[in-house]
Amino acid sequence: MTAFDPYAPLNEPKRFAEGVWIVDGPEIRMTYGPIKLPFPTRMTIVRLTGGGLWIHSPIAPDEGLFEAVDSLGEVQHLIAPNSIHYWYMADWIERYPQATTYAVPDLAETAKRPFRIDHRLELDAGFDWQDEVDFLLVPGTMVSEAVFFVQGGNVLILTDLIENFEPKRVHNPLLRWLIRLAGADGGAPYDLRMTFRPKMKLVREQVGRMLEWPVERIVMAHGKPVEEDARAMLGRSFKWARPEVKM
């Protein structure tokens, strides 16, 4: 039995905006100190104007999913967007060896399951897809996260900087309580925020840049995507970094 009611159907691309699909994948368990906590998984697909696919945070490999992705276009770019979401990159690289791969800088040294990294998502990097998918890097100590903005659909793509778990979808009362305690019901979990504290000046600058994007929808790796009042949610969710911002 899963810990969460899934956002069905799983392993199928679901249109989220023009040229943007989300794919909800199987539940996984991540080691957190002495325990393993359940998490739902999600990846995002963007079809670029040339027809190639840009894939954020690939989920567990599945033959049916691969076939569905192939029907959308040619996989050209694979993204490991933060220091935690990279595990299945190796499987997708094996399936799509021609794809160019990108990862936040620390993964070249810290990944527990190594994979080919063609480009690091550095603050001053420039990639050929950036005219369509802009990005910035929010740097932390234990975790860094690259944030993306799909300009054609005004879609903000996050990984863990907002976790939006819905209590009604959580089966276990203790897990519901832990999610609320952690602040993962519409914001960055408190433990994640702490990793950014030593670099808060740069974090504030990058979050400020993000808040300037004309965001209309938000997709994140965990929880309910946001399709209404997205900017208001951003203002609430990032008060820990930019408390003076009113949106």
Foldseek 3Di string as FASTA:
>chain_A
DDQFDFPDDALAWDDDFVQKTKHKHDWDWDDDPPDTDIFTFMKMWGQDPVQEIAIELDDADDVVSVVNVVVSGHHAEYEQFKPPRDVCVQVVCVVRVNHAYEYAPCCCPDPPRDDDHRYYPDQPDDDPCCVQKPWHKQDFQNMIGIWIAGQVGLETEEEQQAAAADLVGGDDPVVSVVCVVQVNNQAHGPVVVVRRVVVLVVNLVRLVVVLPRSHQWYDYTHHDTGRHPVSQSSLVHCCVRVVPDHD
